[in-house]
Amino acid sequence: MSSLKDRLRTDLTSSMKARDEVRSSTLRMVLTAITNAEVAGKTQRELSDDEIVGVLSSEAKKRREAAAAFQDGGRAEMAAKEIAEAAVIADYLPEQLTDEEVAALVAAAVEQAGAAGEGMKAMGRVMGLVQPQVRGRADGGAVAAEVRRQLGA
């Protein structure tokens, strides 16, 4: 049994008792997304904590993108709701890496791959080295942008 999933369920119960609507609804959505991931595919299975972090990361990304879309559309109250949900999800994610930490990891991966000066041809190799290190701790788009920058594309 996943300890992260247990923690989410326990926190859902206490947020319901405290009548914390935002936290309760967000945790319900997250637990539903985890259940959907568990039953996707041919056989049902229990997700590991790492896989749950992946689900949480994608849910947080959806909230950030929706908040930006609502903001652009002039719907501040909806954007605020999405931002509040993203903040609840962030409580369960590992601490996020700073831009400097991402840049250092990418620089190390470029060196490890021997990709300096190869340009975009090395993008896949470098991303393959960086992704496992940043999973759940940095936005994939930001990591890819840093890889492109360092490869000189």
Protein backbone atom coordinates (compact mmCIF):
# COMPACT_ATOMS: atom_id res chain seq x y z
CA MET A 1 0.00 0.00 0.00
CA SER A 2 1.29 3.43 -0.93
CA SER A 3 2.07 5.68 2.02
CA LEU A 4 1.44 8.79 -0.10
CA LYS A 5 -2.00 7.52 -1.08
CA ASP A 6 -2.77 6.78 2.59
CA ARG A 7 -1.69 10.31 3.49
CA LEU A 8 -3.97 11.76 0.77
CA ARG A 9 -6.93 9.73 2.07
CA THR A 10 -6.27 10.69 5.72
CA ASP A 11 -5.94 14.36 4.76
CA LEU A 12 -9.18 14.16 2.77
CA THR A 13 -11.02 12.87 5.84
CA SER A 14 -9.62 15.61 8.09
CA SER A 15 -10.30 18.35 5.51
CA MET A 16 -13.91 17.14 5.23
CA LYS A 17 -14.28 17.28 9.03
CA ALA A 18 -12.79 20.78 9.00
CA ARG A 19 -15.18 21.76 6.18
CA ASP A 20 -12.26 22.91 4.02
CA GLU A 21 -14.05 22.85 0.66
CA VAL A 22 -11.07 23.65 -1.59
CA ARG A 23 -8.79 21.05 0.00
CA SER A 24 -11.56 18.40 0.10
CA SER A 25 -12.57 18.81 -3.53
CA THR A 26 -8.95 18.96 -4.71
CA LEU A 27 -7.98 15.81 -2.80
CA ARG A 28 -11.05 14.02 -4.16
CA MET A 29 -10.02 14.96 -7.71
CA VAL A 30 -6.44 13.82 -7.12
CA LEU A 31 -7.52 10.49 -5.60
CA THR A 32 -9.84 9.95 -8.58
CA ALA A 33 -6.96 10.64 -10.98
CA ILE A 34 -4.81 8.12 -9.08
CA THR A 35 -7.59 5.51 -9.22
CA ASN A 36 -8.02 6.15 -12.96
CA ALA A 37 -4.28 5.63 -13.47
CA GLU A 38 -4.46 2.40 -11.47
CA VAL A 39 -7.25 0.93 -13.59
CA ALA A 40 -5.88 2.18 -16.92
CA GLY A 41 -4.41 -0.53 -19.11
CA LYS A 42 -5.13 -4.23 -19.17
CA THR A 43 -4.76 -5.00 -15.48
CA GLN A 44 -5.56 -3.04 -12.34
CA ARG A 45 -2.55 -2.36 -10.15
CA GLU A 46 -1.43 -0.33 -7.16
CA LEU A 47 0.67 2.74 -8.05
CA SER A 48 3.99 3.29 -6.30
CA ASP A 49 4.69 6.59 -4.54
CA ASP A 50 6.87 7.65 -7.51
CA GLU A 51 4.02 6.96 -9.93
CA ILE A 52 1.61 8.87 -7.67
CA VAL A 53 4.03 11.84 -7.71
CA GLY A 54 3.81 11.66 -11.52
CA VAL A 55 0.00 11.82 -11.37
CA LEU A 56 0.18 14.71 -8.88
CA SER A 57 2.64 16.56 -11.13
CA SER A 58 0.37 16.28 -14.14
CA GLU A 59 -2.66 17.38 -12.07
CA ALA A 60 -0.69 20.41 -10.80
CA LYS A 61 0.35 21.24 -14.37
CA LYS A 62 -3.30 21.10 -15.51
CA ARG A 63 -4.20 23.58 -12.73
CA ARG A 64 -1.38 25.97 -13.70
CA GLU A 65 -2.37 25.87 -17.38
CA ALA A 66 -6.06 26.36 -16.58
CA ALA A 67 -5.24 29.27 -14.26
CA ALA A 68 -3.22 30.93 -17.04
CA ALA A 69 -6.05 30.39 -19.53
CA PHE A 70 -8.64 31.83 -17.14
CA GLN A 71 -6.35 34.78 -16.38
CA ASP A 72 -5.96 35.49 -20.11
CA GLY A 73 -9.73 35.23 -20.51
CA GLY A 74 -10.33 37.78 -17.75
CA ARG A 75 -11.91 35.26 -15.36
CA ALA A 76 -9.93 36.05 -12.23
CA GLU A 77 -12.22 34.13 -9.83
CA MET A 78 -11.79 30.90 -11.82
CA ALA A 79 -8.03 31.48 -12.07
CA ALA A 80 -7.87 31.95 -8.29
CA LYS A 81 -9.73 28.63 -7.78
CA GLU A 82 -7.23 26.78 -10.03
CA ILE A 83 -4.28 28.42 -8.24
CA ALA A 84 -5.71 27.38 -4.85
CA GLU A 85 -6.08 23.78 -6.09
CA ALA A 86 -2.50 23.81 -7.44
CA ALA A 87 -1.29 24.98 -4.02
CA VAL A 88 -3.06 22.06 -2.30
CA ILE A 89 -1.47 19.59 -4.75
CA ALA A 90 1.95 21.21 -4.26
CA ASP A 91 1.80 20.20 -0.57
CA TYR A 92 2.15 16.56 -1.68
CA LEU A 93 4.89 17.05 -4.27
CA PRO A 94 8.60 16.92 -3.49
CA GLU A 95 10.20 20.34 -3.03
CA GLN A 96 10.52 22.05 -6.41
CA LEU A 97 13.96 22.67 -7.89
CA THR A 98 15.14 26.24 -8.46
CA ASP A 99 16.10 27.43 -11.95
CA GLU A 100 19.76 27.30 -10.89
CA GLU A 101 19.44 23.68 -9.73
CA VAL A 102 17.77 22.70 -13.02
CA ALA A 103 20.52 24.47 -14.99
CA ALA A 104 23.20 22.60 -12.98
CA LEU A 105 21.52 19.22 -13.56
CA VAL A 106 21.18 19.94 -17.29
CA ALA A 107 24.83 21.05 -17.51
CA ALA A 108 25.92 17.80 -15.82
CA ALA A 109 23.74 15.75 -18.19
CA VAL A 110 25.14 17.55 -21.28
CA GLU A 111 28.63 16.73 -20.06
CA GLN A 112 27.73 13.12 -19.21
CA ALA A 113 26.17 12.61 -22.65
CA GLY A 114 29.17 14.21 -24.32
CA ALA A 115 26.66 16.39 -26.13
CA ALA A 116 28.40 19.76 -25.94
CA GLY A 117 28.42 21.38 -29.39
CA GLU A 118 26.10 18.77 -30.95
CA GLY A 119 23.06 21.04 -30.85
CA MET A 120 19.53 19.67 -31.01
CA LYS A 121 20.61 16.20 -32.16
CA ALA A 122 21.53 15.47 -28.53
CA MET A 123 18.24 16.76 -27.05
CA GLY A 124 16.74 13.27 -26.56
CA ARG A 125 19.86 11.85 -24.92
CA VAL A 126 20.20 14.78 -22.53
CA MET A 127 16.48 14.80 -21.63
CA GLY A 128 16.70 11.04 -21.02
CA LEU A 129 19.41 11.66 -18.43
CA VAL A 130 17.73 14.67 -16.79
CA GLN A 131 14.09 13.48 -16.60
CA PRO A 132 14.54 10.80 -13.89
CA GLN A 133 16.39 13.33 -11.71
CA VAL A 134 13.74 16.06 -11.94
CA ARG A 135 10.52 13.98 -12.06
CA GLY A 136 7.91 15.69 -9.88
CA ARG A 137 10.38 18.39 -8.85
CA ALA A 138 10.43 20.63 -11.95
CA ASP A 139 8.16 21.49 -14.87
CA GLY A 140 9.09 19.42 -17.94
CA GLY A 141 8.67 22.41 -20.26
CA ALA A 142 11.09 24.49 -18.23
CA VAL A 143 13.61 21.63 -18.21
CA ALA A 144 13.32 21.19 -21.99
CA ALA A 145 13.80 24.94 -22.49
CA GLU A 146 16.96 24.83 -20.36
CA VAL A 147 18.29 21.84 -22.34
CA ARG A 148 17.65 23.71 -25.61
CA ARG A 149 19.39 26.79 -24.22
CA GLN A 150 22.45 24.83 -23.14
CA LEU A 151 22.64 22.89 -26.40
CA GLY A 152 22.69 26.24 -28.18
CA ALA A 153 19.53 25.76 -30.22
